[in-house]
N, C-alpha and C. Protein backbone atom coordinates (compact mmCIF):
# COMPACT_ATOMS: atom_id res chain seq x y z
N MET A 1 25.36 -7.57 -21.62
CA MET A 1 25.38 -6.94 -20.46
C MET A 1 23.91 -7.42 -20.07
N SER A 2 23.42 -7.17 -20.43
CA SER A 2 21.80 -7.84 -19.73
C SER A 2 21.80 -9.33 -19.20
N ALA A 3 22.96 -10.36 -19.91
CA ALA A 3 23.39 -11.42 -19.67
C ALA A 3 23.79 -12.05 -18.00
N ASP A 4 25.02 -10.28 -18.24
CA ASP A 4 25.87 -10.63 -17.06
C ASP A 4 24.69 -10.19 -15.80
N LEU A 5 23.96 -9.20 -15.78
CA LEU A 5 23.10 -8.64 -15.05
C LEU A 5 21.68 -9.74 -14.71
N ARG A 6 21.64 -10.28 -15.40
CA ARG A 6 20.41 -11.64 -15.17
C ARG A 6 21.08 -12.87 -14.36
N ALA A 7 22.22 -12.77 -14.66
CA ALA A 7 23.27 -14.19 -13.87
C ALA A 7 23.24 -13.04 -12.43
N ILE A 8 23.95 -12.02 -12.54
CA ILE A 8 23.73 -11.72 -10.94
C ILE A 8 22.42 -11.75 -10.13
N LEU A 9 21.51 -11.36 -10.85
CA LEU A 9 20.32 -11.23 -9.99
C LEU A 9 19.32 -12.83 -9.81
N SER A 10 20.45 -13.55 -10.52
CA SER A 10 19.52 -15.23 -10.22
C SER A 10 20.43 -16.35 -9.17
N GLN A 11 20.88 -15.17 -8.54
CA GLN A 11 21.34 -15.76 -7.05
C GLN A 11 20.30 -15.39 -5.87
N PRO A 12 20.08 -16.22 -4.52
CA PRO A 12 19.56 -16.40 -3.79
C PRO A 12 19.45 -14.72 -3.49
N ALA A 13 18.10 -14.62 -2.74
CA ALA A 13 17.39 -13.07 -2.53
C ALA A 13 18.22 -12.29 -1.20
N PRO A 14 18.59 -13.17 -0.35
CA PRO A 14 19.88 -12.85 0.17
C PRO A 14 21.10 -12.22 0.55
N LEU A 15 21.19 -12.59 -1.20
CA LEU A 15 22.69 -12.60 -1.63
C LEU A 15 22.55 -11.17 -2.48
N VAL A 16 21.64 -10.99 -3.22
CA VAL A 16 21.13 -10.12 -4.19
C VAL A 16 20.94 -8.64 -3.54
N ALA A 17 19.75 -8.70 -2.32
CA ALA A 17 19.54 -7.93 -1.94
C ALA A 17 20.52 -6.63 -1.96
N PRO A 18 21.66 -6.74 -0.84
CA PRO A 18 22.33 -5.97 -0.80
C PRO A 18 23.48 -5.47 -2.08
N CYS A 19 23.78 -6.18 -2.96
CA CYS A 19 23.95 -5.70 -4.18
C CYS A 19 23.33 -4.64 -4.98
N LEU A 20 22.15 -4.63 -4.72
CA LEU A 20 20.85 -3.48 -5.51
C LEU A 20 21.19 -2.59 -4.73
N LEU A 21 21.73 -2.60 -4.07
CA LEU A 21 21.84 -0.83 -3.14
C LEU A 21 22.74 -0.33 -4.40
N GLY A 22 22.14 0.80 -4.72
CA GLY A 22 22.72 1.82 -5.99
C GLY A 22 22.61 1.98 -6.82
N TRP A 23 21.76 0.76 -7.21
CA TRP A 23 20.93 0.55 -8.64
C TRP A 23 20.03 1.19 -9.14
N THR A 24 19.89 1.80 -10.08
CA THR A 24 18.40 2.76 -10.34
C THR A 24 17.64 1.86 -11.06
N LEU A 25 16.27 1.96 -10.86
CA LEU A 25 14.66 1.53 -11.72
C LEU A 25 14.43 3.08 -12.58
N THR A 26 14.32 2.67 -13.52
CA THR A 26 14.14 3.83 -14.33
C THR A 26 12.51 3.26 -15.30
N HIS A 27 11.34 4.15 -14.84
CA HIS A 27 10.22 4.27 -15.61
C HIS A 27 9.82 5.50 -16.64
N ARG A 28 10.13 5.09 -17.88
CA ARG A 28 9.57 5.92 -18.77
C ARG A 28 8.05 6.00 -19.10
N THR A 29 7.46 7.06 -19.31
CA THR A 29 5.81 7.14 -19.20
C THR A 29 5.92 8.33 -20.46
N ALA A 30 4.62 7.99 -20.70
CA ALA A 30 4.06 9.52 -21.30
C ALA A 30 4.07 10.78 -20.81
N GLU A 31 3.98 11.04 -19.60
CA GLU A 31 4.53 11.88 -18.96
C GLU A 31 5.76 12.42 -18.72
N GLY A 32 6.63 11.50 -19.41
CA GLY A 32 8.03 11.80 -18.93
C GLY A 32 8.62 10.82 -18.39
N LYS A 33 10.29 10.85 -17.29
CA LYS A 33 10.74 9.86 -17.10
C LYS A 33 11.18 10.59 -15.37
N VAL A 34 10.96 9.10 -14.64
CA VAL A 34 11.26 9.29 -13.39
C VAL A 34 12.49 7.60 -13.01
N ALA A 35 13.58 8.23 -12.80
CA ALA A 35 14.46 7.14 -12.14
C ALA A 35 14.56 7.57 -10.74
N VAL A 36 14.95 6.25 -10.05
CA VAL A 36 14.67 5.74 -8.48
C VAL A 36 16.03 5.64 -8.32
N GLN A 37 17.43 6.25 -7.78
CA GLN A 37 18.14 4.95 -6.67
C GLN A 37 17.76 4.26 -5.10
N LEU A 38 18.08 2.95 -5.60
CA LEU A 38 17.72 2.32 -4.55
C LEU A 38 18.66 2.92 -3.19
N THR A 39 18.16 2.57 -2.08
CA THR A 39 18.53 2.89 -0.97
C THR A 39 18.66 2.04 0.22
N GLU A 40 17.35 1.27 -0.05
CA GLU A 40 16.78 0.07 1.21
C GLU A 40 16.26 -0.72 0.22
N VAL A 41 16.23 -2.12 1.08
CA VAL A 41 15.84 -3.54 0.03
C VAL A 41 15.66 -4.02 1.11
N GLU A 42 14.55 -5.45 0.78
CA GLU A 42 14.58 -6.22 1.36
C GLU A 42 14.18 -7.57 0.72
N ALA A 43 15.24 -8.88 1.15
CA ALA A 43 14.83 -10.12 1.07
C ALA A 43 13.88 -10.99 1.33
N TYR A 44 13.23 -11.44 0.34
CA TYR A 44 12.07 -12.77 0.54
C TYR A 44 12.95 -14.13 0.07
N ALA A 45 13.06 -15.19 0.90
CA ALA A 45 13.13 -15.73 0.29
C ALA A 45 12.24 -17.23 -0.73
N GLY A 46 11.07 -16.72 -1.10
CA GLY A 46 10.07 -18.05 -1.44
C GLY A 46 9.37 -19.12 -0.51
N GLN A 47 9.54 -19.99 -0.81
CA GLN A 47 9.05 -21.10 -0.04
C GLN A 47 9.92 -22.35 0.86
N ALA A 48 11.40 -20.77 0.98
CA ALA A 48 12.13 -21.36 2.48
C ALA A 48 11.71 -19.88 3.36
N ASP A 49 10.91 -19.17 3.10
CA ASP A 49 10.70 -18.32 3.99
C ASP A 49 9.07 -18.34 4.65
N PRO A 50 8.78 -18.16 5.73
CA PRO A 50 7.56 -18.14 5.78
C PRO A 50 7.38 -16.57 5.87
N ALA A 51 7.61 -15.43 5.89
CA ALA A 51 7.44 -14.17 5.45
C ALA A 51 7.20 -13.80 3.74
N SER A 52 7.13 -14.57 2.72
CA SER A 52 7.09 -14.24 1.85
C SER A 52 5.81 -14.93 1.02
N HIS A 53 5.13 -14.12 0.21
CA HIS A 53 4.06 -14.13 -0.50
C HIS A 53 4.05 -15.95 -1.08
N ALA A 54 4.86 -16.37 -1.63
CA ALA A 54 5.47 -17.47 -2.00
C ALA A 54 5.98 -18.91 -1.21
N TRP A 55 5.40 -18.42 -0.17
CA TRP A 55 5.52 -19.39 0.95
C TRP A 55 5.10 -20.79 1.14
N ARG A 56 3.45 -20.35 0.75
CA ARG A 56 2.54 -22.10 0.78
C ARG A 56 2.34 -22.28 -1.31
N GLY A 57 3.63 -21.46 -1.79
CA GLY A 57 3.71 -22.09 -3.09
C GLY A 57 2.92 -21.28 -3.84
N PRO A 58 3.15 -21.73 -5.45
CA PRO A 58 2.25 -20.57 -6.30
C PRO A 58 1.08 -20.45 -6.50
N SER A 59 0.50 -19.11 -6.88
CA SER A 59 -0.59 -18.83 -6.61
C SER A 59 -0.90 -17.58 -7.72
N ALA A 60 -2.15 -16.88 -8.32
CA ALA A 60 -2.36 -16.60 -9.36
C ALA A 60 -1.55 -14.82 -8.81
N ARG A 61 -1.69 -14.90 -7.49
CA ARG A 61 -0.78 -13.62 -7.04
C ARG A 61 0.53 -13.75 -7.48
N ASN A 62 1.24 -14.30 -6.63
CA ASN A 62 2.58 -14.70 -6.75
C ASN A 62 3.20 -15.31 -8.13
N ALA A 63 2.49 -15.57 -9.08
CA ALA A 63 3.04 -16.42 -9.99
C ALA A 63 4.12 -15.75 -10.34
N VAL A 64 4.65 -14.49 -10.73
CA VAL A 64 5.72 -13.91 -10.88
C VAL A 64 7.02 -13.95 -10.46
N MET A 65 6.74 -14.58 -9.28
CA MET A 65 7.87 -14.76 -8.34
C MET A 65 8.47 -15.96 -8.83
N PHE A 66 8.34 -16.89 -9.34
CA PHE A 66 8.30 -18.01 -9.89
C PHE A 66 9.09 -17.98 -11.83
N GLY A 67 9.29 -17.03 -12.21
CA GLY A 67 9.82 -16.38 -13.02
C GLY A 67 11.06 -16.48 -13.30
N PRO A 68 11.68 -16.00 -14.73
CA PRO A 68 13.38 -15.44 -14.35
C PRO A 68 13.65 -14.03 -13.81
N ALA A 69 14.60 -14.59 -12.96
CA ALA A 69 14.96 -12.93 -12.49
C ALA A 69 15.16 -11.89 -13.09
N GLY A 70 15.37 -11.28 -12.50
CA GLY A 70 15.06 -9.52 -13.43
C GLY A 70 13.60 -9.01 -13.88
N TRP A 71 12.50 -9.82 -13.68
CA TRP A 71 10.73 -9.46 -13.99
C TRP A 71 11.03 -9.06 -12.33
N LEU A 72 9.94 -8.06 -12.44
CA LEU A 72 9.42 -7.10 -11.26
C LEU A 72 7.63 -7.57 -11.29
N TYR A 73 7.53 -7.96 -9.74
CA TYR A 73 6.97 -8.23 -9.24
C TYR A 73 5.95 -7.23 -8.20
N VAL A 74 4.29 -6.60 -8.81
CA VAL A 74 4.30 -5.83 -8.07
C VAL A 74 2.90 -5.88 -7.52
N TYR A 75 2.61 -5.62 -6.21
CA TYR A 75 1.25 -6.47 -5.82
C TYR A 75 0.43 -4.96 -5.02
N LEU A 76 -0.85 -5.27 -4.26
CA LEU A 76 -1.36 -4.24 -3.47
C LEU A 76 -0.76 -4.81 -2.72
N SER A 77 -0.53 -3.54 -1.57
CA SER A 77 -0.35 -4.02 -0.20
C SER A 77 -1.83 -3.04 0.50
N HIS A 78 -2.57 -3.53 1.30
CA HIS A 78 -3.25 -3.53 2.24
C HIS A 78 -4.92 -2.61 1.17
N GLY A 79 -4.76 -2.78 0.25
CA GLY A 79 -5.74 -2.44 -0.59
C GLY A 79 -5.43 -0.39 -0.98
N LEU A 80 -4.28 -0.22 -0.91
CA LEU A 80 -3.74 1.18 -0.52
C LEU A 80 -2.60 1.43 -2.07
N HIS A 81 -1.26 0.46 -1.99
CA HIS A 81 -0.28 1.22 -2.57
C HIS A 81 0.22 0.14 -3.13
N TYR A 82 1.29 0.03 -4.25
CA TYR A 82 1.35 -0.73 -5.13
C TYR A 82 3.34 -1.07 -5.25
N CYS A 83 3.44 -1.66 -4.25
CA CYS A 83 4.90 -2.47 -3.93
C CYS A 83 5.38 -2.90 -5.03
N ALA A 84 6.98 -2.92 -5.48
CA ALA A 84 7.68 -3.33 -6.69
C ALA A 84 8.92 -4.45 -5.93
N ASN A 85 9.17 -5.23 -6.46
CA ASN A 85 9.77 -6.39 -6.18
C ASN A 85 10.39 -6.98 -7.22
N ILE A 86 12.14 -6.99 -7.04
CA ILE A 86 12.45 -7.57 -8.20
C ILE A 86 12.96 -8.82 -8.04
N VAL A 87 12.95 -10.20 -9.29
CA VAL A 87 12.75 -11.45 -9.05
C VAL A 87 13.83 -11.99 -9.03
N THR A 88 14.48 -12.66 -8.41
CA THR A 88 15.75 -13.32 -7.94
C THR A 88 15.39 -14.44 -7.70
N GLY A 89 17.02 -15.55 -8.21
CA GLY A 89 16.73 -16.62 -8.25
C GLY A 89 16.72 -17.26 -9.33
N PRO A 90 17.06 -18.72 -9.26
CA PRO A 90 16.56 -19.33 -10.92
C PRO A 90 15.45 -19.49 -10.95
N ASP A 91 15.32 -19.88 -12.29
CA ASP A 91 13.74 -19.82 -12.99
C ASP A 91 13.02 -21.06 -12.36
N GLY A 92 11.75 -20.77 -11.89
CA GLY A 92 11.36 -21.73 -11.11
C GLY A 92 11.43 -21.68 -9.73
N GLU A 93 12.43 -21.18 -9.06
CA GLU A 93 12.32 -20.82 -7.49
C GLU A 93 12.04 -19.75 -7.13
N ALA A 94 10.83 -19.24 -6.23
CA ALA A 94 10.45 -17.99 -6.01
C ALA A 94 11.31 -17.55 -5.10
N SER A 95 11.78 -16.02 -4.97
CA SER A 95 12.57 -15.43 -4.39
C SER A 95 12.26 -13.70 -5.15
N ALA A 96 12.72 -13.09 -3.78
CA ALA A 96 12.22 -11.41 -4.36
C ALA A 96 12.64 -10.69 -3.73
N VAL A 97 13.42 -9.48 -3.96
CA VAL A 97 13.76 -8.32 -2.97
C VAL A 97 12.86 -7.65 -3.54
N LEU A 98 12.43 -6.88 -2.44
CA LEU A 98 11.28 -5.79 -2.19
C LEU A 98 12.12 -4.40 -2.16
N LEU A 99 11.78 -3.52 -2.93
CA LEU A 99 11.96 -2.28 -3.19
C LEU A 99 11.62 -1.07 -1.82
N ARG A 100 12.60 -1.27 -0.88
CA ARG A 100 11.63 -0.38 0.39
C ARG A 100 12.13 1.29 -0.09
N ALA A 101 12.73 1.62 -0.52
CA ALA A 101 13.13 2.81 -0.66
C ALA A 101 14.01 3.49 -1.36
N GLY A 102 14.46 4.81 -2.23
CA GLY A 102 15.07 4.95 -2.59
C GLY A 102 15.28 6.75 -2.94
N ARG A 103 16.08 7.15 -3.62
CA ARG A 103 16.71 8.47 -4.42
C ARG A 103 15.74 9.06 -5.65
N VAL A 104 15.23 9.49 -5.83
CA VAL A 104 14.78 10.21 -6.73
C VAL A 104 15.81 11.00 -7.77
N ILE A 105 16.56 10.44 -8.48
CA ILE A 105 17.67 11.13 -8.85
C ILE A 105 17.39 11.80 -10.50
N GLU A 106 16.03 11.45 -11.04
CA GLU A 106 15.78 12.16 -12.76
C GLU A 106 14.15 12.18 -12.69
N GLY A 107 13.78 13.20 -13.25
CA GLY A 107 12.42 13.35 -13.23
C GLY A 107 11.47 13.98 -11.36
N ALA A 108 12.21 14.53 -10.75
CA ALA A 108 11.53 14.85 -9.26
C ALA A 108 10.33 15.75 -9.55
N SER A 109 10.34 16.13 -10.26
CA SER A 109 9.26 17.06 -10.35
C SER A 109 8.18 16.60 -10.82
N LEU A 110 8.35 16.02 -11.65
CA LEU A 110 7.14 14.71 -11.87
C LEU A 110 6.62 13.53 -10.62
N ALA A 111 7.65 13.35 -10.26
CA ALA A 111 7.77 12.69 -9.15
C ALA A 111 6.85 13.19 -7.88
N GLN A 112 7.06 14.19 -7.72
CA GLN A 112 6.81 14.78 -6.93
C GLN A 112 5.11 15.43 -7.12
N SER A 113 4.75 15.55 -8.43
CA SER A 113 3.28 15.65 -8.82
C SER A 113 2.77 14.44 -8.41
N ARG A 114 3.49 13.31 -8.82
CA ARG A 114 2.21 12.06 -8.35
C ARG A 114 2.17 12.29 -6.60
N ARG A 115 2.96 12.34 -6.08
CA ARG A 115 3.43 12.67 -4.55
C ARG A 115 2.54 13.78 -3.97
N GLY A 116 2.27 14.67 -4.13
CA GLY A 116 1.82 15.86 -3.12
C GLY A 116 2.68 16.97 -3.38
N GLU A 117 2.75 18.03 -3.61
CA GLU A 117 3.46 19.42 -3.47
C GLU A 117 3.88 19.24 -1.84
N ARG A 118 3.50 18.78 -1.14
CA ARG A 118 3.92 19.17 0.28
C ARG A 118 5.06 18.15 0.95
N VAL A 119 5.48 17.16 0.07
CA VAL A 119 5.88 16.32 0.16
C VAL A 119 7.45 16.28 0.08
N ALA A 120 8.50 16.31 1.10
CA ALA A 120 9.84 16.36 1.43
C ALA A 120 10.44 15.80 -0.11
N GLU A 121 11.53 16.46 -0.23
CA GLU A 121 12.29 15.58 -1.84
C GLU A 121 12.91 14.24 -1.34
N ARG A 122 13.02 13.96 0.08
CA ARG A 122 14.17 13.10 0.53
C ARG A 122 12.40 12.15 1.14
N SER A 123 11.70 12.05 0.70
CA SER A 123 10.26 11.46 0.99
C SER A 123 9.74 10.72 -0.02
N LEU A 124 10.29 11.12 -1.50
CA LEU A 124 9.66 10.86 -2.77
C LEU A 124 9.19 9.79 -2.79
N ALA A 125 10.20 8.73 -2.38
CA ALA A 125 10.32 7.29 -2.57
C ALA A 125 10.90 6.85 -1.04
N ARG A 126 10.23 7.37 -0.37
CA ARG A 126 10.67 6.91 1.32
C ARG A 126 9.58 5.98 2.16
N GLY A 127 10.02 5.00 1.14
CA GLY A 127 9.17 3.60 1.82
C GLY A 127 8.31 3.09 0.66
N PRO A 128 8.18 1.54 0.55
CA PRO A 128 8.29 0.84 -0.48
C PRO A 128 6.55 1.30 -1.38
N GLY A 129 5.71 1.64 -0.66
CA GLY A 129 4.40 2.45 -1.43
C GLY A 129 4.12 3.58 -2.43
N ASN A 130 5.51 4.55 -1.26
CA ASN A 130 5.45 5.74 -1.77
C ASN A 130 6.56 5.55 -2.52
N LEU A 131 7.75 4.84 -3.47
CA LEU A 131 8.03 4.39 -4.13
C LEU A 131 7.77 4.00 -5.41
N GLY A 132 6.74 3.02 -5.17
CA GLY A 132 5.76 2.98 -6.18
C GLY A 132 4.66 3.88 -7.03
N GLN A 133 4.61 4.50 -5.76
CA GLN A 133 4.03 5.85 -6.77
C GLN A 133 4.57 7.00 -7.26
N ALA A 134 5.76 7.09 -6.79
CA ALA A 134 6.66 7.93 -7.54
C ALA A 134 7.31 7.61 -9.09
N LEU A 135 7.33 6.29 -9.18
CA LEU A 135 7.30 5.77 -10.10
C LEU A 135 5.99 5.35 -11.24
N ALA A 136 4.99 5.66 -10.94
CA ALA A 136 3.97 4.95 -11.29
C ALA A 136 3.41 3.19 -11.51
N LEU A 137 3.64 2.91 -10.73
CA LEU A 137 3.88 1.70 -10.86
C LEU A 137 2.57 1.19 -10.43
N THR A 138 1.95 0.51 -11.56
CA THR A 138 0.49 -0.74 -10.64
C THR A 138 0.49 -1.66 -11.32
N ARG A 139 -0.47 -2.77 -11.32
CA ARG A 139 -0.89 -4.05 -11.29
C ARG A 139 0.08 -4.67 -12.28
N GLU A 140 -0.36 -3.56 -13.74
CA GLU A 140 -0.33 -3.74 -14.99
C GLU A 140 1.31 -4.17 -14.94
N HIS A 141 2.16 -3.72 -14.64
CA HIS A 141 3.60 -3.71 -14.82
C HIS A 141 4.04 -5.05 -14.37
N ASN A 142 2.91 -5.66 -13.58
CA ASN A 142 3.51 -6.70 -12.79
C ASN A 142 4.34 -7.93 -13.95
N GLY A 143 5.15 -8.48 -13.69
CA GLY A 143 6.23 -9.08 -14.86
C GLY A 143 6.96 -8.62 -16.03
N SER A 144 7.10 -7.41 -15.70
CA SER A 144 7.88 -6.78 -16.51
C SER A 144 9.23 -6.92 -16.54
N ASP A 145 9.98 -7.30 -17.79
CA ASP A 145 11.92 -7.48 -17.96
C ASP A 145 11.94 -6.38 -17.49
N LEU A 146 12.78 -6.21 -16.12
CA LEU A 146 13.61 -5.19 -15.92
C LEU A 146 14.74 -4.74 -17.06
N LEU A 147 15.01 -6.51 -17.77
CA LEU A 147 16.29 -6.25 -18.47
C LEU A 147 16.28 -5.98 -20.08
N ASP A 148 14.89 -5.61 -20.28
CA ASP A 148 14.74 -6.02 -21.67
C ASP A 148 14.71 -4.55 -22.57
N ASP A 149 14.93 -3.69 -22.22
CA ASP A 149 14.71 -2.59 -22.81
C ASP A 149 13.49 -1.84 -23.27
N GLY A 150 12.53 -2.19 -22.03
CA GLY A 150 10.76 -2.09 -22.30
C GLY A 150 11.19 -0.16 -21.49
N PRO A 151 10.06 0.35 -21.12
CA PRO A 151 9.80 1.25 -20.17
C PRO A 151 10.57 1.14 -19.03
N LEU A 152 10.44 -0.18 -18.12
CA LEU A 152 10.94 0.25 -17.05
C LEU A 152 12.47 -0.83 -17.31
N ILE A 153 13.20 0.40 -17.00
CA ILE A 153 14.96 -0.46 -16.66
C ILE A 153 15.53 -0.64 -15.47
N LEU A 154 16.06 -1.31 -15.27
CA LEU A 154 17.59 -1.63 -13.97
C LEU A 154 18.42 -1.14 -14.67
N SER A 155 19.30 -0.64 -13.50
CA SER A 155 20.89 -0.43 -14.34
C SER A 155 21.83 -0.25 -13.12
N PRO A 156 22.79 -1.31 -12.82
CA PRO A 156 23.69 -1.09 -12.05
C PRO A 156 24.12 0.42 -12.40
N PRO A 157 24.80 0.56 -10.74
CA PRO A 157 25.80 2.18 -10.70
C PRO A 157 26.76 2.04 -11.38
N PRO A 158 27.35 3.20 -11.68
CA PRO A 158 28.66 3.74 -12.39
C PRO A 158 29.74 3.16 -11.37
N GLY A 159 29.92 3.08 -9.85
CA GLY A 159 30.85 2.59 -9.29
C GLY A 159 30.34 2.35 -7.62
N PRO A 160 31.10 2.71 -6.55
CA PRO A 160 31.12 1.74 -5.91
C PRO A 160 30.34 2.97 -4.93
N ILE A 161 29.53 2.43 -4.35
CA ILE A 161 29.00 3.28 -3.43
C ILE A 161 28.71 2.81 -2.00
N GLY A 162 28.47 3.86 -0.93
CA GLY A 162 28.68 3.56 0.69
C GLY A 162 28.54 2.35 1.41
N PRO A 163 28.89 2.36 2.46
CA PRO A 163 28.84 1.54 3.35
C PRO A 163 27.28 0.91 3.53
N VAL A 164 27.04 -0.45 3.82
CA VAL A 164 26.00 -1.12 3.74
C VAL A 164 25.37 -1.19 5.11
N LEU A 165 24.20 -1.66 5.56
CA LEU A 165 23.85 -1.72 7.01
C LEU A 165 22.87 -3.14 6.26
N SER A 166 22.56 -3.78 7.34
CA SER A 166 21.82 -4.76 7.41
C SER A 166 20.75 -4.77 8.86
N GLY A 167 19.74 -5.42 8.61
CA GLY A 167 18.97 -5.87 10.29
C GLY A 167 17.70 -6.17 9.45
N PRO A 168 16.75 -6.60 10.81
CA PRO A 168 15.46 -6.79 10.93
C PRO A 168 14.81 -6.15 9.85
N ARG A 169 13.95 -7.35 8.87
CA ARG A 169 12.87 -6.54 7.87
C ARG A 169 11.83 -6.31 9.09
N VAL A 170 11.11 -5.01 8.48
CA VAL A 170 10.11 -4.27 8.50
C VAL A 170 8.59 -4.78 8.15
N GLY A 171 7.87 -4.47 9.50
CA GLY A 171 6.67 -4.73 9.45
C GLY A 171 5.86 -5.97 9.32
N VAL A 172 6.98 -7.07 8.78
CA VAL A 172 6.07 -8.34 9.35
C VAL A 172 5.65 -9.26 10.11
N SER A 173 4.90 -10.49 10.51
CA SER A 173 4.50 -11.09 11.47
C SER A 173 5.07 -12.28 11.95
N ARG A 174 5.98 -12.95 10.57
CA ARG A 174 6.97 -13.93 10.80
C ARG A 174 8.21 -13.33 10.11
N ALA A 175 9.15 -14.37 10.95
CA ALA A 175 10.33 -14.00 10.80
C ALA A 175 11.01 -12.90 10.39
N HIS A 176 10.41 -12.23 11.41
CA HIS A 176 10.87 -10.52 11.30
C HIS A 176 12.32 -10.43 12.01
N ASP A 177 13.19 -11.19 12.98
CA ASP A 177 14.03 -10.99 13.01
C ASP A 177 15.21 -11.11 11.97
N TRP A 178 15.04 -11.93 11.04
CA TRP A 178 15.97 -12.28 9.73
C TRP A 178 16.58 -10.77 9.42
N PRO A 179 17.82 -10.88 9.94
CA PRO A 179 18.61 -9.53 9.27
C PRO A 179 18.47 -9.07 7.78
N TRP A 180 17.48 -9.57 6.78
CA TRP A 180 17.41 -9.30 5.45
C TRP A 180 17.01 -7.85 5.02
N ARG A 181 17.24 -6.90 5.84
CA ARG A 181 16.87 -5.75 5.31
C ARG A 181 18.43 -5.04 4.89
N TYR A 182 18.15 -4.38 4.25
CA TYR A 182 19.86 -3.63 3.80
C TYR A 182 19.87 -2.26 3.10
N TRP A 183 20.58 -1.29 3.89
CA TRP A 183 20.61 -0.24 3.29
C TRP A 183 21.67 0.08 3.71
N LEU A 184 21.95 2.00 2.57
CA LEU A 184 22.84 2.78 3.13
C LEU A 184 23.32 3.40 4.08
N ALA A 185 24.10 3.13 4.78
CA ALA A 185 24.49 3.62 5.89
C ALA A 185 24.48 5.26 6.06
N GLY A 186 23.19 5.70 6.68
CA GLY A 186 23.13 7.72 6.85
C GLY A 186 22.32 7.75 6.01
N ASP A 187 21.90 7.61 4.65
CA ASP A 187 21.32 7.57 3.77
C ASP A 187 19.43 8.18 4.25
N PRO A 188 19.27 9.62 4.12
CA PRO A 188 17.98 10.66 4.48
C PRO A 188 16.90 9.71 3.88
N THR A 189 17.02 8.99 3.09
CA THR A 189 15.89 8.34 2.16
C THR A 189 15.24 7.09 2.56
N VAL A 190 15.86 6.49 3.69
CA VAL A 190 15.77 5.02 3.98
C VAL A 190 14.77 5.57 4.83
N SER A 191 13.47 4.19 4.95
CA SER A 191 12.50 4.43 5.59
C SER A 191 13.02 3.90 7.11
N ALA A 192 11.79 4.74 7.91
CA ALA A 192 12.04 4.23 9.34
C ALA A 192 11.60 2.80 9.85
N TYR A 193 12.22 2.38 10.89
CA TYR A 193 12.33 0.76 11.30
C TYR A 193 10.99 0.52 11.95
N ARG A 194 9.66 -0.01 11.60
CA ARG A 194 9.09 -0.55 11.96
C ARG A 194 8.64 -2.10 12.25
N ARG A 195 8.54 -2.46 13.67
CA ARG A 195 8.34 -3.73 14.10
C ARG A 195 6.98 -4.38 13.85
N GLY A 196 6.80 -5.16 13.36
CA GLY A 196 5.93 -5.46 13.04
C GLY A 196 4.55 -5.82 14.26
N ARG A 197 3.63 -5.24 14.10
CA ARG A 197 2.50 -5.47 15.24
C ARG A 197 1.90 -6.87 15.76
N LEU A 198 2.08 -7.85 14.92
CA LEU A 198 2.15 -9.59 15.06
C LEU A 198 3.59 -10.29 15.03
N ALA A 199 4.64 -9.29 15.61
CA ALA A 199 5.69 -9.99 15.15
C ALA A 199 5.69 -10.80 16.54
N GLY A 200 5.79 -12.32 15.92
CA GLY A 200 6.33 -13.65 16.82
C GLY A 200 5.49 -14.12 17.47
N SER A 201 3.97 -13.22 17.04
CA SER A 201 2.42 -14.58 17.71
C SER A 201 2.37 -15.21 16.52
N GLY A 202 2.53 -15.49 15.80
CA GLY A 202 2.05 -17.13 14.88
C GLY A 202 1.41 -16.74 14.24
N TRP A 203 0.64 -15.43 13.87
CA TRP A 203 -0.18 -15.31 13.35
C TRP A 203 -0.27 -15.69 12.06
N ARG A 204 -0.81 -16.44 11.17
CA ARG A 204 -0.59 -16.63 9.32
C ARG A 204 -1.44 -15.63 8.40
N GLY A 205 -1.17 -14.57 8.86
CA GLY A 205 -1.94 -13.66 7.46
C GLY A 205 -0.67 -13.16 6.67
N ASP A 206 -1.43 -12.53 5.65
CA ASP A 206 -0.15 -11.83 4.50
C ASP A 206 0.85 -10.98 5.36
N SER A 207 2.15 -11.09 4.75
CA SER A 207 2.76 -11.03 5.64
C SER A 207 4.43 -9.79 4.91
N GLN A 208 4.55 -10.20 3.51
CA GLN A 208 6.02 -9.79 3.02
C GLN A 208 4.62 -8.16 2.91
N THR A 209 5.53 -7.25 2.78
CA THR A 209 5.16 -5.66 2.75
C THR A 209 5.73 -4.94 2.11
């Protein structure tokens, strides 16, 4: 099964991204287990994509993106939130799918304790930083193999999912109009669209969010 899943993930990020909707990422910790079903994702195509962390080539930060498909790429965004990406494409060719939002389907009380008692259920994993917090992801999980029966497991849905929509990516300054954000139509856990403040300006700062 893991070989079949890795073959699916070894395709280019824009092809993999919509296929990941409905999949579940589960994290087992000493506190308990939280499982999030993915409802919104965003594709980044490595060195062919000016909005990707890997656009300028390998670095200490993005090295995991150049590894095998099915690995987890975790980075700290704006010094505040850990964001999670699933590495895609052939080994050695960096690309990844950012996990933008999901629905907590197991361990809701534990996710609530991590996110705060006043956070609405639909918002527990709504937004990439919130998803990372609900799953208790940190930089220590960077490079985890999601198909290796470890604490972090990625699994496909048991059956078909609802209609999928696509549109511009969120909050990036370059290639902001590429329709590589995918989400489940009408799902309340999908994050709000936010156009990058410097979109189209030619700004060369960090873009993948």
